Amino acid sequence: MIELRDVSFEYDARPVLRQVSANLAEHRIGLVGANGSGKSTLARLCHGLLLPTAGQVLVNGHDTRRDAAAARSQVGFVFQDPDIQIIMPTVAEDLAFSLRPSGLSKQEISAQVDDWLGRYDLVSHRDHPAHLLSGGQKQLLAIAAVLITQPQIVIFDEPTTLLDLRNKHRIMAVIAALDQQVVMVSHDLDLLSEFDRILVVDAGQIIADDSPRAALDVYRRAALG
């Protein structure tokens, strides 16, 4: 569970989020809002990529400021652009890089890498340059590189925006099958229709927190002015 306690965030003295409080415990939670509303900032605060200017963010009880390593070990983050996350030259090396802090032996790491390559149909690309994969394959690699560390919560920041329809459906099927709690930022409202809960962010505050149908109605009315 992620707890936000009176969280505010400023960037260059400009308020981005203002006194946001919420307990995020449901299995599937969506974050929606206009560009610049603060939703992506909120997602990054939930992971610990950003620290609040005021207030607290707790991930399974761990404060992202005071206990950063423990908090971040609980939650993975998948960016909109997988090229941001791909670090190593080849597909297998990129997956193995995620396990470097794990203390596993080389043989154990190799076995896990092979397992995850098989799960996402990337076995034939094991030694392929990672940045030369297709867009959909890159996103699968980015997701696998997060999941291989076994986080309890996974945050997705618009994971299908750069994908064609076929790959969008493939990524959403992967997300739907996850056992972990998922928090997802998305502009694609259809993707969120089966989620458990939606938070609507506007001008740095949560203006709706409800079921998908009720919350998305609020978002649509706000978007229309």
C-alpha atoms as a PDB file:
ATOM      1  CA  MET A   1       0.000   0.000   0.000  1.00  0.00           C
ATOM      2  CA  ILE A   2       1.096   3.560  -0.732  1.00  0.00           C
ATOM      3  CA  GLU A   3       0.120   6.292   1.716  1.00  0.00           C
ATOM      4  CA  LEU A   4       0.235   9.975   0.805  1.00  0.00           C
ATOM      5  CA  ARG A   5       0.040  12.241   3.836  1.00  0.00           C
ATOM      6  CA  ASP A   6      -0.508  15.944   3.068  1.00  0.00           C
ATOM      7  CA  VAL A   7       1.990  15.722   0.209  1.00  0.00           C
ATOM      8  CA  SER A   8       3.086  18.883  -1.556  1.00  0.00           C
ATOM      9  CA  PHE A   9       5.743  19.241  -4.229  1.00  0.00           C
ATOM     10  CA  GLU A  10       7.355  22.321  -5.736  1.00  0.00           C
ATOM     11  CA  TYR A  11       9.618  22.588  -8.761  1.00  0.00           C
ATOM     12  CA  ASP A  12      11.743  25.742  -8.909  1.00  0.00           C
ATOM     13  CA  ALA A  13       9.420  27.301  -6.314  1.00  0.00           C
ATOM     14  CA  ARG A  14       6.397  26.517  -8.515  1.00  0.00           C
ATOM     15  CA  PRO A  15       3.702  24.431  -6.771  1.00  0.00           C
ATOM     16  CA  VAL A  16       3.009  21.193  -8.639  1.00  0.00           C
ATOM     17  CA  LEU A  17       1.076  19.263  -5.966  1.00  0.00           C
ATOM     18  CA  ARG A  18      -0.701  20.744  -2.957  1.00  0.00           C
ATOM     19  CA  GLN A  19      -1.533  18.813   0.229  1.00  0.00           C
ATOM     20  CA  VAL A  20      -2.502  15.556  -1.437  1.00  0.00           C
ATOM     21  CA  SER A  21      -3.625  12.749   0.877  1.00  0.00           C
ATOM     22  CA  ALA A  22      -4.696   9.246  -0.165  1.00  0.00           C
ATOM     23  CA  ASN A  23      -4.270   5.604   0.788  1.00  0.00           C
ATOM     24  CA  LEU A  24      -3.685   3.512  -2.328  1.00  0.00           C
ATOM     25  CA  ALA A  25      -4.492  -0.079  -1.453  1.00  0.00           C
ATOM     26  CA  GLU A  26      -6.593  -1.459  -4.330  1.00  0.00           C
ATOM     27  CA  HIS A  27      -5.169  -3.926  -6.841  1.00  0.00           C
ATOM     28  CA  ARG A  28      -5.545  -1.632  -9.882  1.00  0.00           C
ATOM     29  CA  ILE A  29      -5.482   2.154  -9.500  1.00  0.00           C
ATOM     30  CA  GLY A  30      -5.483   4.691 -12.345  1.00  0.00           C
ATOM     31  CA  LEU A  31      -4.248   8.272 -12.331  1.00  0.00           C
ATOM     32  CA  VAL A  32      -5.697  10.644 -14.917  1.00  0.00           C
ATOM     33  CA  GLY A  33      -5.458  14.357 -15.557  1.00  0.00           C
ATOM     34  CA  ALA A  34      -4.586  16.935 -18.175  1.00  0.00           C
ATOM     35  CA  ASN A  35      -0.995  17.597 -19.180  1.00  0.00           C
ATOM     36  CA  GLY A  36       0.659  19.553 -16.386  1.00  0.00           C
ATOM     37  CA  SER A  37      -1.943  18.519 -13.806  1.00  0.00           C
ATOM     38  CA  GLY A  38       0.635  16.834 -11.574  1.00  0.00           C
ATOM     39  CA  LYS A  39      -0.305  13.192 -12.155  1.00  0.00           C
ATOM     40  CA  SER A  40       3.132  12.063 -13.365  1.00  0.00           C
ATOM     41  CA  THR A  41       4.755  13.928 -10.489  1.00  0.00           C
ATOM     42  CA  LEU A  42       2.399  12.095  -8.142  1.00  0.00           C
ATOM     43  CA  ALA A  43       3.422   8.765  -9.683  1.00  0.00           C
ATOM     44  CA  ARG A  44       7.118   9.563  -9.240  1.00  0.00           C
ATOM     45  CA  LEU A  45       6.547  10.550  -5.624  1.00  0.00           C
ATOM     46  CA  CYS A  46       4.865   7.180  -5.026  1.00  0.00           C
ATOM     47  CA  HIS A  47       8.067   5.449  -6.125  1.00  0.00           C
ATOM     48  CA  GLY A  48      10.564   7.735  -4.467  1.00  0.00           C
ATOM     49  CA  LEU A  49      11.985   9.070  -7.742  1.00  0.00           C
ATOM     50  CA  LEU A  50      10.935  12.439  -6.325  1.00  0.00           C
ATOM     51  CA  LEU A  51      10.714  13.416  -2.667  1.00  0.00           C
ATOM     52  CA  PRO A  52       7.907  15.601  -1.344  1.00  0.00           C
ATOM     53  CA  THR A  53       8.582  19.226  -0.501  1.00  0.00           C
ATOM     54  CA  ALA A  54       6.222  18.728   2.430  1.00  0.00           C
ATOM     55  CA  GLY A  55       4.322  15.769   3.838  1.00  0.00           C
ATOM     56  CA  GLN A  56       5.120  12.050   3.703  1.00  0.00           C
ATOM     57  CA  VAL A  57       4.968   9.205   1.210  1.00  0.00           C
ATOM     58  CA  LEU A  58       4.965   5.709   2.718  1.00  0.00           C
ATOM     59  CA  VAL A  59       5.415   2.529   0.666  1.00  0.00           C
ATOM     60  CA  ASN A  60       4.300  -0.453   2.720  1.00  0.00           C
ATOM     61  CA  GLY A  61       5.162   1.586   5.787  1.00  0.00           C
ATOM     62  CA  HIS A  62       8.577   2.774   4.567  1.00  0.00           C
ATOM     63  CA  ASP A  63       9.061   6.540   4.304  1.00  0.00           C
ATOM     64  CA  THR A  64      10.523   7.445   0.894  1.00  0.00           C
ATOM     65  CA  ARG A  65      12.646  10.160   2.497  1.00  0.00           C
ATOM     66  CA  ARG A  66      13.906   8.510   5.689  1.00  0.00           C
ATOM     67  CA  ASP A  67      13.998   4.905   4.465  1.00  0.00           C
ATOM     68  CA  ALA A  68      14.516   5.371   0.748  1.00  0.00           C
ATOM     69  CA  ALA A  69      16.214   2.062  -0.072  1.00  0.00           C
ATOM     70  CA  ALA A  70      13.554  -0.025   1.670  1.00  0.00           C
ATOM     71  CA  ALA A  71      10.735   1.981   0.083  1.00  0.00           C
ATOM     72  CA  ARG A  72      12.113   1.768  -3.437  1.00  0.00           C
ATOM     73  CA  SER A  73      12.791  -1.963  -3.099  1.00  0.00           C
ATOM     74  CA  GLN A  74       9.032  -2.452  -2.735  1.00  0.00           C
ATOM     75  CA  VAL A  75       7.979  -0.644  -5.909  1.00  0.00           C
ATOM     76  CA  GLY A  76       9.007  -0.711  -9.567  1.00  0.00           C
ATOM     77  CA  PHE A  77       8.537   2.076 -12.104  1.00  0.00           C
ATOM     78  CA  VAL A  78       7.960   1.668 -15.857  1.00  0.00           C
ATOM     79  CA  PHE A  79       8.388   4.846 -17.902  1.00  0.00           C
ATOM     80  CA  GLN A  80       6.476   5.906 -20.995  1.00  0.00           C
ATOM     81  CA  ASP A  81       9.643   5.732 -23.110  1.00  0.00           C
ATOM     82  CA  PRO A  82      11.482   2.421 -22.599  1.00  0.00           C
ATOM     83  CA  ASP A  83      14.697   3.884 -24.002  1.00  0.00           C
ATOM     84  CA  ILE A  84      14.988   5.797 -20.723  1.00  0.00           C
ATOM     85  CA  GLN A  85      15.183   2.483 -18.840  1.00  0.00           C
ATOM     86  CA  ILE A  86      17.330   0.404 -21.179  1.00  0.00           C
ATOM     87  CA  ILE A  87      20.855   0.736 -19.846  1.00  0.00           C
ATOM     88  CA  MET A  88      22.974  -2.152 -21.100  1.00  0.00           C
ATOM     89  CA  PRO A  89      23.954  -2.994 -24.708  1.00  0.00           C
ATOM     90  CA  THR A  90      22.099  -6.299 -25.123  1.00  0.00           C
ATOM     91  CA  VAL A  91      18.725  -7.623 -24.029  1.00  0.00           C
ATOM     92  CA  ALA A  92      20.152 -10.267 -21.658  1.00  0.00           C
ATOM     93  CA  GLU A  93      22.670  -7.848 -20.175  1.00  0.00           C
ATOM     94  CA  ASP A  94      19.927  -5.335 -19.477  1.00  0.00           C
ATOM     95  CA  LEU A  95      17.873  -7.878 -17.550  1.00  0.00           C
ATOM     96  CA  ALA A  96      20.934  -9.100 -15.662  1.00  0.00           C
ATOM     97  CA  PHE A  97      21.793  -5.525 -14.676  1.00  0.00           C
ATOM     98  CA  SER A  98      18.571  -5.305 -12.651  1.00  0.00           C
ATOM     99  CA  LEU A  99      19.745  -8.245 -10.514  1.00  0.00           C
ATOM    100  CA  ARG A 100      23.231  -6.965  -9.732  1.00  0.00           C
ATOM    101  CA  PRO A 101      22.285  -5.796  -6.207  1.00  0.00           C
ATOM    102  CA  SER A 102      20.489  -9.082  -5.451  1.00  0.00           C
ATOM    103  CA  GLY A 103      23.480 -11.075  -4.234  1.00  0.00           C
ATOM    104  CA  LEU A 104      22.626 -13.942  -6.584  1.00  0.00           C
ATOM    105  CA  SER A 105      25.380 -15.944  -8.255  1.00  0.00           C
ATOM    106  CA  LYS A 106      26.117 -15.535 -11.970  1.00  0.00           C
ATOM    107  CA  GLN A 107      24.443 -18.875 -12.621  1.00  0.00           C
ATOM    108  CA  GLU A 108      21.307 -17.860 -10.692  1.00  0.00           C
ATOM    109  CA  ILE A 109      21.139 -14.531 -12.504  1.00  0.00           C
ATOM    110  CA  SER A 110      21.535 -16.248 -15.873  1.00  0.00           C
ATOM    111  CA  ALA A 111      18.740 -18.682 -15.030  1.00  0.00           C
ATOM    112  CA  GLN A 112      16.385 -15.860 -14.066  1.00  0.00           C
ATOM    113  CA  VAL A 113      17.256 -13.901 -17.186  1.00  0.00           C
ATOM    114  CA  ASP A 114      16.462 -16.917 -19.361  1.00  0.00           C
ATOM    115  CA  ASP A 115      13.169 -17.399 -17.516  1.00  0.00           C
ATOM    116  CA  TRP A 116      12.040 -13.801 -18.131  1.00  0.00           C
ATOM    117  CA  LEU A 117      13.184 -13.846 -21.748  1.00  0.00           C
ATOM    118  CA  GLY A 118      10.954 -16.873 -22.224  1.00  0.00           C
ATOM    119  CA  ARG A 119       7.964 -15.252 -20.545  1.00  0.00           C
ATOM    120  CA  TYR A 120       7.987 -12.326 -22.987  1.00  0.00           C
ATOM    121  CA  ASP A 121       9.084 -14.090 -26.200  1.00  0.00           C
ATOM    122  CA  LEU A 122      12.504 -12.454 -26.201  1.00  0.00           C
ATOM    123  CA  VAL A 123      14.648 -15.614 -26.193  1.00  0.00           C
ATOM    124  CA  SER A 124      15.668 -15.221 -29.830  1.00  0.00           C
ATOM    125  CA  HIS A 125      16.734 -11.641 -29.051  1.00  0.00           C
ATOM    126  CA  ARG A 126      18.918 -12.598 -26.074  1.00  0.00           C
ATOM    127  CA  ASP A 127      22.117 -11.125 -27.503  1.00  0.00           C
ATOM    128  CA  HIS A 128      20.390  -8.545 -29.703  1.00  0.00           C
ATOM    129  CA  PRO A 129      21.244  -4.844 -29.243  1.00  0.00           C
ATOM    130  CA  ALA A 130      18.491  -3.712 -26.885  1.00  0.00           C
ATOM    131  CA  HIS A 131      17.979  -0.313 -28.510  1.00  0.00           C
ATOM    132  CA  LEU A 132      17.329  -1.969 -31.889  1.00  0.00           C
ATOM    133  CA  LEU A 133      14.270  -3.856 -30.678  1.00  0.00           C
ATOM    134  CA  SER A 134      10.842  -2.841 -31.905  1.00  0.00           C
ATOM    135  CA  GLY A 135       8.840  -0.418 -29.763  1.00  0.00           C
ATOM    136  CA  GLY A 136       6.687  -3.184 -28.308  1.00  0.00           C
ATOM    137  CA  GLN A 137       9.699  -5.398 -27.573  1.00  0.00           C
ATOM    138  CA  LYS A 138      11.472  -2.516 -25.849  1.00  0.00           C
ATOM    139  CA  GLN A 139       8.483  -1.947 -23.595  1.00  0.00           C
ATOM    140  CA  LEU A 140       8.343  -5.661 -22.768  1.00  0.00           C
ATOM    141  CA  LEU A 141      12.050  -5.563 -21.902  1.00  0.00           C
ATOM    142  CA  ALA A 142      11.543  -2.507 -19.699  1.00  0.00           C
ATOM    143  CA  ILE A 143       8.672  -4.250 -17.882  1.00  0.00           C
ATOM    144  CA  ALA A 144      10.672  -7.466 -17.483  1.00  0.00           C
ATOM    145  CA  ALA A 145      13.649  -5.523 -16.104  1.00  0.00           C
ATOM    146  CA  VAL A 146      11.357  -4.146 -13.392  1.00  0.00           C
ATOM    147  CA  LEU A 147       9.482  -7.377 -12.641  1.00  0.00           C
ATOM    148  CA  ILE A 148      12.632  -9.490 -12.385  1.00  0.00           C
ATOM    149  CA  THR A 149      13.389  -7.664  -9.120  1.00  0.00           C
ATOM    150  CA  GLN A 150      10.025  -8.884  -7.727  1.00  0.00           C
ATOM    151  CA  PRO A 151       8.516  -5.588  -6.530  1.00  0.00           C
ATOM    152  CA  GLN A 152       5.226  -5.701  -4.656  1.00  0.00           C
ATOM    153  CA  ILE A 153       3.885  -2.614  -6.459  1.00  0.00           C
ATOM    154  CA  VAL A 154       4.445  -1.554 -10.074  1.00  0.00           C
ATOM    155  CA  ILE A 155       3.837   2.001 -11.307  1.00  0.00           C
ATOM    156  CA  PHE A 156       3.323   2.574 -15.032  1.00  0.00           C
ATOM    157  CA  ASP A 157       3.576   6.075 -16.497  1.00  0.00           C
ATOM    158  CA  GLU A 158       1.618   6.006 -19.773  1.00  0.00           C
ATOM    159  CA  PRO A 159       3.112   2.669 -20.891  1.00  0.00           C
ATOM    160  CA  THR A 160       1.155   2.406 -24.173  1.00  0.00           C
ATOM    161  CA  THR A 161       1.380   5.973 -25.505  1.00  0.00           C
ATOM    162  CA  LEU A 162       4.205   5.257 -27.975  1.00  0.00           C
ATOM    163  CA  LEU A 163       2.805   1.927 -29.192  1.00  0.00           C
ATOM    164  CA  ASP A 164       0.633   0.838 -32.098  1.00  0.00           C
ATOM    165  CA  LEU A 165      -2.710  -0.841 -31.402  1.00  0.00           C
ATOM    166  CA  ARG A 166      -1.376  -4.420 -31.532  1.00  0.00           C
ATOM    167  CA  ASN A 167       1.443  -3.727 -29.083  1.00  0.00           C
ATOM    168  CA  LYS A 168      -0.827  -1.645 -26.857  1.00  0.00           C
ATOM    169  CA  HIS A 169      -3.115  -4.639 -26.427  1.00  0.00           C
ATOM    170  CA  ARG A 170      -0.135  -6.888 -25.780  1.00  0.00           C
ATOM    171  CA  ILE A 171       1.242  -4.632 -23.037  1.00  0.00           C
ATOM    172  CA  MET A 172      -2.175  -4.257 -21.428  1.00  0.00           C
ATOM    173  CA  ALA A 173      -2.563  -8.057 -21.375  1.00  0.00           C
ATOM    174  CA  VAL A 174       0.784  -8.284 -19.567  1.00  0.00           C
ATOM    175  CA  ILE A 175      -0.306  -5.661 -17.030  1.00  0.00           C
ATOM    176  CA  ALA A 176      -3.704  -7.300 -16.503  1.00  0.00           C
ATOM    177  CA  ALA A 177      -2.002 -10.596 -15.659  1.00  0.00           C
ATOM    178  CA  LEU A 178       0.260  -9.168 -12.945  1.00  0.00           C
ATOM    179  CA  ASP A 179      -0.234 -10.293  -9.376  1.00  0.00           C
ATOM    180  CA  GLN A 180       1.323  -7.088  -8.061  1.00  0.00           C
ATOM    181  CA  GLN A 181      -0.586  -3.965  -7.186  1.00  0.00           C
ATOM    182  CA  VAL A 182      -0.577  -1.648 -10.209  1.00  0.00           C
ATOM    183  CA  VAL A 183      -0.771   2.138 -10.279  1.00  0.00           C
ATOM    184  CA  MET A 184      -1.030   3.480 -13.827  1.00  0.00           C
ATOM    185  CA  VAL A 185      -0.969   6.951 -15.316  1.00  0.00           C
ATOM    186  CA  SER A 186      -2.797   7.027 -18.649  1.00  0.00           C
ATOM    187  CA  HIS A 187      -4.608   9.330 -21.063  1.00  0.00           C
ATOM    188  CA  ASP A 188      -6.314   6.315 -22.631  1.00  0.00           C
ATOM    189  CA  LEU A 189      -9.490   6.115 -20.592  1.00  0.00           C
ATOM    190  CA  ASP A 190     -10.595   2.826 -22.137  1.00  0.00           C
ATOM    191  CA  LEU A 191      -7.563   1.141 -20.580  1.00  0.00           C
ATOM    192  CA  LEU A 192      -8.733   2.151 -17.117  1.00  0.00           C
ATOM    193  CA  SER A 193     -12.384   1.165 -17.393  1.00  0.00           C
ATOM    194  CA  GLU A 194     -11.884  -2.150 -15.560  1.00  0.00           C
ATOM    195  CA  PHE A 195      -9.632  -0.753 -12.817  1.00  0.00           C
ATOM    196  CA  ASP A 196     -10.724  -0.767  -9.184  1.00  0.00           C
ATOM    197  CA  ARG A 197     -10.273   2.936  -8.537  1.00  0.00           C
ATOM    198  CA  ILE A 198      -9.424   6.126 -10.427  1.00  0.00           C
ATOM    199  CA  LEU A 199      -7.904   9.332  -9.066  1.00  0.00           C
ATOM    200  CA  VAL A 200      -8.403  12.486 -11.122  1.00  0.00           C
ATOM    201  CA  VAL A 201      -5.651  15.078 -10.678  1.00  0.00           C
ATOM    202  CA  ASP A 202      -6.195  18.716 -11.631  1.00  0.00           C
ATOM    203  CA  ALA A 203      -4.051  21.745 -10.800  1.00  0.00           C
ATOM    204  CA  GLY A 204      -2.033  19.764  -8.287  1.00  0.00           C
ATOM    205  CA  GLN A 205      -4.939  18.334  -6.322  1.00  0.00           C
ATOM    206  CA  ILE A 206      -7.134  15.232  -6.395  1.00  0.00           C
ATOM    207  CA  ILE A 207     -10.557  16.403  -7.561  1.00  0.00           C
ATOM    208  CA  ALA A 208     -12.140  12.950  -7.812  1.00  0.00           C
ATOM    209  CA  ASP A 209     -11.394   9.576  -6.240  1.00  0.00           C
ATOM    210  CA  ASP A 210     -13.970   6.968  -7.166  1.00  0.00           C
ATOM    211  CA  SER A 211     -14.923   4.026  -9.339  1.00  0.00           C
ATOM    212  CA  PRO A 212     -13.824   4.306 -12.987  1.00  0.00           C
ATOM    213  CA  ARG A 213     -17.258   5.356 -14.263  1.00  0.00           C
ATOM    214  CA  ALA A 214     -17.813   8.084 -11.671  1.00  0.00           C
ATOM    215  CA  ALA A 215     -14.252   9.402 -11.651  1.00  0.00           C
ATOM    216  CA  LEU A 216     -13.895   9.457 -15.430  1.00  0.00           C
ATOM    217  CA  ASP A 217     -17.185  11.358 -15.730  1.00  0.00           C
ATOM    218  CA  VAL A 218     -15.655  14.037 -13.492  1.00  0.00           C
ATOM    219  CA  TYR A 219     -12.502  14.059 -15.636  1.00  0.00           C
ATOM    220  CA  ARG A 220     -14.455  14.431 -18.870  1.00  0.00           C
ATOM    221  CA  ARG A 221     -16.505  17.306 -17.463  1.00  0.00           C
ATOM    222  CA  ALA A 222     -13.338  19.033 -16.229  1.00  0.00           C
ATOM    223  CA  ALA A 223     -11.679  18.540 -19.639  1.00  0.00           C
ATOM    224  CA  LEU A 224     -14.647  20.162 -21.365  1.00  0.00           C
ATOM    225  CA  GLY A 225     -14.426  23.147 -19.014  1.00  0.00           C
END
